[in-house]
Amino acid sequence: DSRGQIQKFDANGNFIARLGQNNGTAQGFLNAYRITTDSSGNVYATDGATEAVSNVVKKFNSSGVFQFAFGATVSTGGQFQQAAGIAVDSSGNIYVADSGAGVGRKFSSTGTSIGTIGSSGSGDGQFNGPVGIAIDSADNLYVADSGNNRIQKFNSAGTFVTKWGTNGTGNGEFSAPKGVAVDNAGTVYVADTGNNRIQLFSSSGTFIEVCGRAGSGEGQ
């Protein structure tokens, strides 16, 4: 939130703890942006501020205790131009969507750089401002390729598998999608940001249904 912290709640919405509440320190945030957890309950968050002291990934244990941070802004010798979405696979590898560079970056569980996925562009396996990123139970990777108005899917080796979506307002079309998630059944949920709705798809990209619409009421 605006105080440079992440807040933790139980399933009923009851407050549990704060993470990174000391803004201005190694564990604090300038712009806490995206968040995920691993199978052990550790919490990973991108601090996507463009200041030279930020643009990093920060890890906390399940109790909210700061563990370490990695990455930095490219101009200072770091890896990120704009750290955005983040996900962790079954082996503990960490994937970060670098919106500014138009690539996905892969790190080990300790934050060591392993490689990149994709490149900047509009072809298969290329990105224009990727934001959201998610991993399914088979370690397939789904990326909300926001600037290209589509979702792209990669296998666990980082090889392009398929894509779906184009710019528009119809079913299966997007306007700057920025979030993506996958449930245990393999259903893919996309935050179709510009169209103010959630769209559901199969793991191969077949449209299922739409949830929500623009407004301020329940379900809007």
C-alpha atoms as a PDB file:
ATOM      1  CA  ASP A   1       0.000   0.000   0.000  1.00  0.00           C
ATOM      2  CA  SER A   2       0.997   3.703   0.082  1.00  0.00           C
ATOM      3  CA  ARG A   3       2.890   3.180   3.324  1.00  0.00           C
ATOM      4  CA  GLY A   4       5.432   0.922   1.648  1.00  0.00           C
ATOM      5  CA  GLN A   5       4.132  -2.339   3.019  1.00  0.00           C
ATOM      6  CA  ILE A   6       2.144  -5.464   2.254  1.00  0.00           C
ATOM      7  CA  GLN A   7      -0.716  -6.445   4.548  1.00  0.00           C
ATOM      8  CA  LYS A   8      -1.629 -10.072   5.271  1.00  0.00           C
ATOM      9  CA  PHE A   9      -5.174 -11.244   6.061  1.00  0.00           C
ATOM     10  CA  ASP A  10      -6.807 -14.595   6.746  1.00  0.00           C
ATOM     11  CA  ALA A  11      -9.492 -16.120   4.519  1.00  0.00           C
ATOM     12  CA  ASN A  12     -12.181 -14.119   6.350  1.00  0.00           C
ATOM     13  CA  GLY A  13     -10.426 -10.788   5.855  1.00  0.00           C
ATOM     14  CA  ASN A  14      -9.024 -10.512   9.377  1.00  0.00           C
ATOM     15  CA  PHE A  15      -5.701  -8.681   9.611  1.00  0.00           C
ATOM     16  CA  ILE A  16      -2.690 -10.859  10.479  1.00  0.00           C
ATOM     17  CA  ALA A  17       0.545  -8.995   9.819  1.00  0.00           C
ATOM     18  CA  ARG A  18       2.437  -6.355   7.871  1.00  0.00           C
ATOM     19  CA  LEU A  19       5.371  -7.121   5.596  1.00  0.00           C
ATOM     20  CA  GLY A  20       7.971  -4.555   4.643  1.00  0.00           C
ATOM     21  CA  GLN A  21       6.482  -1.841   6.783  1.00  0.00           C
ATOM     22  CA  ASN A  22       9.731   0.085   7.251  1.00  0.00           C
ATOM     23  CA  ASN A  23       9.708   2.204   4.112  1.00  0.00           C
ATOM     24  CA  GLY A  24      13.165   3.467   3.164  1.00  0.00           C
ATOM     25  CA  THR A  25      14.955   0.341   4.398  1.00  0.00           C
ATOM     26  CA  ALA A  26      15.968  -2.827   2.544  1.00  0.00           C
ATOM     27  CA  GLN A  27      12.694  -4.504   3.453  1.00  0.00           C
ATOM     28  CA  GLY A  28      10.438  -1.537   2.711  1.00  0.00           C
ATOM     29  CA  PHE A  29       8.782  -0.681  -0.607  1.00  0.00           C
ATOM     30  CA  LEU A  30       8.657   2.400  -2.761  1.00  0.00           C
ATOM     31  CA  ASN A  31       6.030   0.871  -5.053  1.00  0.00           C
ATOM     32  CA  ALA A  32       4.855  -2.583  -3.943  1.00  0.00           C
ATOM     33  CA  TYR A  33       3.439  -3.773  -7.251  1.00  0.00           C
ATOM     34  CA  ARG A  34       2.848  -7.528  -7.687  1.00  0.00           C
ATOM     35  CA  ILE A  35       2.933 -10.405  -5.233  1.00  0.00           C
ATOM     36  CA  THR A  36       2.997 -14.205  -5.149  1.00  0.00           C
ATOM     37  CA  THR A  37       3.762 -17.078  -2.779  1.00  0.00           C
ATOM     38  CA  ASP A  38       5.535 -20.424  -3.074  1.00  0.00           C
ATOM     39  CA  SER A  39       4.570 -23.869  -1.766  1.00  0.00           C
ATOM     40  CA  SER A  40       6.210 -23.123   1.600  1.00  0.00           C
ATOM     41  CA  GLY A  41       4.255 -19.932   2.134  1.00  0.00           C
ATOM     42  CA  ASN A  42       7.149 -17.591   1.400  1.00  0.00           C
ATOM     43  CA  VAL A  43       6.053 -14.259  -0.064  1.00  0.00           C
ATOM     44  CA  TYR A  44       7.689 -12.602  -3.073  1.00  0.00           C
ATOM     45  CA  ALA A  45       6.883  -9.068  -4.190  1.00  0.00           C
ATOM     46  CA  THR A  46       8.122  -6.778  -6.916  1.00  0.00           C
ATOM     47  CA  ASP A  47       9.012  -3.243  -5.945  1.00  0.00           C
ATOM     48  CA  GLY A  48       8.422  -1.703  -9.338  1.00  0.00           C
ATOM     49  CA  ALA A  49       9.501   1.867  -8.661  1.00  0.00           C
ATOM     50  CA  THR A  50      11.807   3.319 -11.290  1.00  0.00           C
ATOM     51  CA  GLU A  51      14.135   4.947  -8.781  1.00  0.00           C
ATOM     52  CA  ALA A  52      17.661   3.581  -8.837  1.00  0.00           C
ATOM     53  CA  VAL A  53      17.324   2.267  -5.283  1.00  0.00           C
ATOM     54  CA  SER A  54      14.365   0.082  -6.180  1.00  0.00           C
ATOM     55  CA  ASN A  55      13.138  -2.098  -9.086  1.00  0.00           C
ATOM     56  CA  VAL A  56      13.818  -5.269  -7.122  1.00  0.00           C
ATOM     57  CA  VAL A  57      12.196  -8.490  -5.916  1.00  0.00           C
ATOM     58  CA  LYS A  58      11.858  -8.921  -2.152  1.00  0.00           C
ATOM     59  CA  LYS A  59      11.312 -12.202  -0.327  1.00  0.00           C
ATOM     60  CA  PHE A  60       9.691 -12.695   3.093  1.00  0.00           C
ATOM     61  CA  ASN A  61       9.096 -15.949   4.938  1.00  0.00           C
ATOM     62  CA  SER A  62       5.620 -17.157   5.894  1.00  0.00           C
ATOM     63  CA  SER A  63       5.849 -15.198   9.165  1.00  0.00           C
ATOM     64  CA  GLY A  64       6.571 -11.976   7.311  1.00  0.00           C
ATOM     65  CA  VAL A  65      10.269 -11.787   8.174  1.00  0.00           C
ATOM     66  CA  PHE A  66      12.384 -10.212   5.416  1.00  0.00           C
ATOM     67  CA  GLN A  67      14.810 -12.692   3.814  1.00  0.00           C
ATOM     68  CA  PHE A  68      16.578 -10.986   0.928  1.00  0.00           C
ATOM     69  CA  ALA A  69      16.170  -8.840  -2.178  1.00  0.00           C
ATOM     70  CA  PHE A  70      17.586  -9.140  -5.668  1.00  0.00           C
ATOM     71  CA  GLY A  71      17.697  -7.147  -8.860  1.00  0.00           C
ATOM     72  CA  ALA A  72      18.026  -3.428  -9.481  1.00  0.00           C
ATOM     73  CA  THR A  73      17.428  -0.868 -12.190  1.00  0.00           C
ATOM     74  CA  VAL A  74      19.388  -1.504 -15.402  1.00  0.00           C
ATOM     75  CA  SER A  75      20.951   1.947 -15.247  1.00  0.00           C
ATOM     76  CA  THR A  76      22.709   0.926 -12.027  1.00  0.00           C
ATOM     77  CA  GLY A  77      23.881  -2.444 -13.347  1.00  0.00           C
ATOM     78  CA  GLY A  78      20.787  -4.408 -12.342  1.00  0.00           C
ATOM     79  CA  GLN A  79      18.457  -6.677 -14.272  1.00  0.00           C
ATOM     80  CA  PHE A  80      15.169  -4.773 -14.506  1.00  0.00           C
ATOM     81  CA  GLN A  81      13.822  -1.863 -16.467  1.00  0.00           C
ATOM     82  CA  GLN A  82      10.397  -2.230 -14.814  1.00  0.00           C
ATOM     83  CA  ALA A  83       9.787  -5.232 -12.552  1.00  0.00           C
ATOM     84  CA  ALA A  84       6.097  -6.164 -12.755  1.00  0.00           C
ATOM     85  CA  GLY A  85       4.324  -9.542 -12.454  1.00  0.00           C
ATOM     86  CA  ILE A  86       5.914 -12.376 -10.523  1.00  0.00           C
ATOM     87  CA  ALA A  87       5.347 -16.143 -10.164  1.00  0.00           C
ATOM     88  CA  VAL A  88       7.162 -19.146  -8.661  1.00  0.00           C
ATOM     89  CA  ASP A  89       7.247 -22.646 -10.189  1.00  0.00           C
ATOM     90  CA  SER A  90       7.200 -26.019  -8.415  1.00  0.00           C
ATOM     91  CA  SER A  91      11.012 -26.053  -8.185  1.00  0.00           C
ATOM     92  CA  GLY A  92      11.170 -22.640  -6.582  1.00  0.00           C
ATOM     93  CA  ASN A  93      12.381 -20.792  -9.675  1.00  0.00           C
ATOM     94  CA  ILE A  94      11.146 -17.198  -9.809  1.00  0.00           C
ATOM     95  CA  TYR A  95       9.758 -15.564 -12.959  1.00  0.00           C
ATOM     96  CA  VAL A  96       9.386 -11.807 -13.314  1.00  0.00           C
ATOM     97  CA  ALA A  97       7.755  -9.882 -16.148  1.00  0.00           C
ATOM     98  CA  ASP A  98      10.029  -6.977 -17.020  1.00  0.00           C
ATOM     99  CA  SER A  99       7.553  -4.559 -18.587  1.00  0.00           C
ATOM    100  CA  GLY A 100      10.172  -2.041 -19.596  1.00  0.00           C
ATOM    101  CA  ALA A 101      12.423  -4.517 -21.387  1.00  0.00           C
ATOM    102  CA  GLY A 102       9.637  -6.586 -22.920  1.00  0.00           C
ATOM    103  CA  VAL A 103      10.921  -9.919 -21.595  1.00  0.00           C
ATOM    104  CA  GLY A 104      10.338 -12.471 -18.872  1.00  0.00           C
ATOM    105  CA  ARG A 105      13.264 -13.034 -16.505  1.00  0.00           C
ATOM    106  CA  LYS A 106      13.963 -16.294 -14.686  1.00  0.00           C
ATOM    107  CA  PHE A 107      15.847 -16.588 -11.406  1.00  0.00           C
ATOM    108  CA  SER A 108      16.765 -19.406  -9.051  1.00  0.00           C
ATOM    109  CA  SER A 109      15.171 -19.630  -5.616  1.00  0.00           C
ATOM    110  CA  THR A 110      18.112 -17.618  -4.251  1.00  0.00           C
ATOM    111  CA  GLY A 111      17.743 -14.831  -6.812  1.00  0.00           C
ATOM    112  CA  THR A 112      20.501 -15.871  -9.216  1.00  0.00           C
ATOM    113  CA  SER A 113      19.724 -14.962 -12.809  1.00  0.00           C
ATOM    114  CA  ILE A 114      19.090 -18.023 -14.992  1.00  0.00           C
ATOM    115  CA  GLY A 115      17.936 -16.501 -18.265  1.00  0.00           C
ATOM    116  CA  THR A 116      15.209 -14.676 -20.147  1.00  0.00           C
ATOM    117  CA  ILE A 117      12.017 -15.686 -21.905  1.00  0.00           C
ATOM    118  CA  GLY A 118      10.945 -13.935 -25.069  1.00  0.00           C
ATOM    119  CA  SER A 119      12.028 -10.609 -26.494  1.00  0.00           C
ATOM    120  CA  SER A 120      10.517  -7.234 -27.270  1.00  0.00           C
ATOM    121  CA  GLY A 121       8.150  -7.219 -30.248  1.00  0.00           C
ATOM    122  CA  SER A 122       4.803  -8.464 -31.516  1.00  0.00           C
ATOM    123  CA  GLY A 123       5.643 -11.900 -32.897  1.00  0.00           C
ATOM    124  CA  ASP A 124       5.125 -15.268 -31.226  1.00  0.00           C
ATOM    125  CA  GLY A 125       7.059 -15.315 -27.959  1.00  0.00           C
ATOM    126  CA  GLN A 126       7.615 -11.560 -28.037  1.00  0.00           C
ATOM    127  CA  PHE A 127       6.188  -8.953 -25.663  1.00  0.00           C
ATOM    128  CA  ASN A 128       5.092  -5.358 -25.523  1.00  0.00           C
ATOM    129  CA  GLY A 129       4.820  -4.279 -21.907  1.00  0.00           C
ATOM    130  CA  PRO A 130       4.175  -7.658 -20.228  1.00  0.00           C
ATOM    131  CA  VAL A 131       2.620  -7.252 -16.786  1.00  0.00           C
ATOM    132  CA  GLY A 132       0.826 -10.248 -15.277  1.00  0.00           C
ATOM    133  CA  ILE A 133       2.439 -13.678 -15.090  1.00  0.00           C
ATOM    134  CA  ALA A 134       1.161 -17.024 -13.752  1.00  0.00           C
ATOM    135  CA  ILE A 135       2.245 -20.669 -13.593  1.00  0.00           C
ATOM    136  CA  ASP A 136       0.027 -23.763 -13.659  1.00  0.00           C
ATOM    137  CA  SER A 137       0.519 -27.139 -11.965  1.00  0.00           C
ATOM    138  CA  ALA A 138       2.620 -28.389 -14.900  1.00  0.00           C
ATOM    139  CA  ASP A 139       4.874 -25.313 -14.695  1.00  0.00           C
ATOM    140  CA  ASN A 140       3.512 -23.829 -17.897  1.00  0.00           C
ATOM    141  CA  LEU A 141       3.879 -20.065 -17.923  1.00  0.00           C
ATOM    142  CA  TYR A 142       1.114 -17.608 -18.888  1.00  0.00           C
ATOM    143  CA  VAL A 143       1.931 -13.956 -19.557  1.00  0.00           C
ATOM    144  CA  ALA A 144      -0.458 -11.012 -19.907  1.00  0.00           C
ATOM    145  CA  ASP A 145       1.164  -9.325 -22.897  1.00  0.00           C
ATOM    146  CA  SER A 146      -0.566  -6.029 -22.229  1.00  0.00           C
ATOM    147  CA  GLY A 147       0.669  -3.916 -25.120  1.00  0.00           C
ATOM    148  CA  ASN A 148      -0.099  -6.666 -27.636  1.00  0.00           C
ATOM    149  CA  ASN A 149      -3.566  -7.307 -26.107  1.00  0.00           C
ATOM    150  CA  ARG A 150      -3.087 -11.036 -25.707  1.00  0.00           C
ATOM    151  CA  ILE A 151      -2.107 -13.917 -23.442  1.00  0.00           C
ATOM    152  CA  GLN A 152       0.933 -16.013 -24.321  1.00  0.00           C
ATOM    153  CA  LYS A 153       1.666 -19.482 -23.005  1.00  0.00           C
ATOM    154  CA  PHE A 154       5.105 -21.095 -22.655  1.00  0.00           C
ATOM    155  CA  ASN A 155       6.150 -24.529 -21.436  1.00  0.00           C
ATOM    156  CA  SER A 156       8.458 -25.115 -18.474  1.00  0.00           C
ATOM    157  CA  ALA A 157      11.518 -24.827 -20.745  1.00  0.00           C
ATOM    158  CA  GLY A 158      10.421 -21.362 -21.846  1.00  0.00           C
ATOM    159  CA  THR A 159       9.350 -22.457 -25.332  1.00  0.00           C
ATOM    160  CA  PHE A 160       6.384 -20.666 -26.870  1.00  0.00           C
ATOM    161  CA  VAL A 161       3.259 -22.863 -26.949  1.00  0.00           C
ATOM    162  CA  THR A 162       0.308 -20.733 -27.987  1.00  0.00           C
ATOM    163  CA  LYS A 163      -1.317 -17.309 -27.776  1.00  0.00           C
ATOM    164  CA  TRP A 164      -4.834 -15.929 -27.786  1.00  0.00           C
ATOM    165  CA  GLY A 165      -6.589 -12.594 -27.877  1.00  0.00           C
ATOM    166  CA  THR A 166      -6.532  -9.402 -29.904  1.00  0.00           C
ATOM    167  CA  ASN A 167      -7.563  -5.817 -29.319  1.00  0.00           C
ATOM    168  CA  GLY A 168     -11.325  -5.394 -28.905  1.00  0.00           C
ATOM    169  CA  THR A 169     -14.355  -5.647 -26.653  1.00  0.00           C
ATOM    170  CA  GLY A 170     -15.804  -9.006 -27.714  1.00  0.00           C
ATOM    171  CA  ASN A 171     -15.433 -12.377 -26.053  1.00  0.00           C
ATOM    172  CA  GLY A 172     -11.787 -13.418 -26.149  1.00  0.00           C
ATOM    173  CA  GLU A 173     -10.664  -9.896 -26.993  1.00  0.00           C
ATOM    174  CA  PHE A 174      -8.707  -7.602 -24.677  1.00  0.00           C
ATOM    175  CA  SER A 175      -7.889  -4.002 -23.925  1.00  0.00           C
ATOM    176  CA  ALA A 176      -4.498  -3.874 -22.180  1.00  0.00           C
ATOM    177  CA  PRO A 177      -4.839  -7.031 -20.015  1.00  0.00           C
ATOM    178  CA  LYS A 178      -2.651  -6.711 -16.933  1.00  0.00           C
ATOM    179  CA  GLY A 179      -3.405  -9.694 -14.724  1.00  0.00           C
ATOM    180  CA  VAL A 180      -3.521 -13.460 -15.203  1.00  0.00           C
ATOM    181  CA  ALA A 181      -4.050 -16.394 -12.832  1.00  0.00           C
ATOM    182  CA  VAL A 182      -4.554 -20.156 -13.167  1.00  0.00           C
ATOM    183  CA  ASP A 183      -6.576 -22.377 -10.829  1.00  0.00           C
ATOM    184  CA  ASN A 184      -5.985 -26.030  -9.933  1.00  0.00           C
ATOM    185  CA  ALA A 185      -8.217 -27.189 -12.776  1.00  0.00           C
ATOM    186  CA  GLY A 186      -6.191 -25.247 -15.334  1.00  0.00           C
ATOM    187  CA  THR A 187      -8.755 -22.510 -15.929  1.00  0.00           C
ATOM    188  CA  VAL A 188      -7.043 -19.247 -16.876  1.00  0.00           C
ATOM    189  CA  TYR A 189      -8.421 -15.968 -15.490  1.00  0.00           C
ATOM    190  CA  VAL A 190      -7.483 -12.737 -17.244  1.00  0.00           C
ATOM    191  CA  ALA A 191      -7.927  -9.223 -15.872  1.00  0.00           C
ATOM    192  CA  ASP A 192      -9.066  -7.442 -19.021  1.00  0.00           C
ATOM    193  CA  THR A 193      -8.152  -4.065 -17.580  1.00  0.00           C
ATOM    194  CA  GLY A 194      -9.303  -1.675 -20.273  1.00  0.00           C
ATOM    195  CA  ASN A 195     -12.630  -3.483 -20.646  1.00  0.00           C
ATOM    196  CA  ASN A 196     -13.274  -3.593 -16.875  1.00  0.00           C
ATOM    197  CA  ARG A 197     -13.929  -7.336 -16.713  1.00  0.00           C
ATOM    198  CA  ILE A 198     -12.491 -10.785 -16.018  1.00  0.00           C
ATOM    199  CA  GLN A 199     -12.414 -13.358 -18.802  1.00  0.00           C
ATOM    200  CA  LEU A 200     -12.072 -17.109 -18.257  1.00  0.00           C
ATOM    201  CA  PHE A 201     -10.371 -19.492 -20.689  1.00  0.00           C
ATOM    202  CA  SER A 202      -9.268 -23.093 -20.899  1.00  0.00           C
ATOM    203  CA  SER A 203      -5.528 -23.784 -20.682  1.00  0.00           C
ATOM    204  CA  SER A 204      -5.390 -23.824 -24.485  1.00  0.00           C
ATOM    205  CA  GLY A 205      -7.107 -20.449 -24.801  1.00  0.00           C
ATOM    206  CA  THR A 206     -10.701 -21.449 -25.503  1.00  0.00           C
ATOM    207  CA  PHE A 207     -13.085 -18.759 -24.216  1.00  0.00           C
ATOM    208  CA  ILE A 208     -15.369 -19.856 -21.344  1.00  0.00           C
ATOM    209  CA  GLU A 209     -17.139 -16.822 -19.895  1.00  0.00           C
ATOM    210  CA  VAL A 210     -16.966 -13.192 -18.780  1.00  0.00           C
ATOM    211  CA  CYS A 211     -17.333 -11.874 -15.221  1.00  0.00           C
ATOM    212  CA  GLY A 212     -17.968  -8.275 -14.272  1.00  0.00           C
ATOM    213  CA  ARG A 213     -18.389  -5.004 -16.106  1.00  0.00           C
ATOM    214  CA  ALA A 214     -17.632  -1.309 -15.650  1.00  0.00           C
ATOM    215  CA  GLY A 215     -19.243   0.336 -12.616  1.00  0.00           C
ATOM    216  CA  SER A 216     -19.068   0.662  -8.826  1.00  0.00           C
ATOM    217  CA  GLY A 217     -21.736  -1.814  -7.729  1.00  0.00           C
ATOM    218  CA  GLU A 218     -21.311  -5.412  -6.607  1.00  0.00           C
ATOM    219  CA  GLY A 219     -19.708  -7.469  -9.351  1.00  0.00           C
ATOM    220  CA  GLN A 220     -18.691  -4.341 -11.229  1.00  0.00           C
END
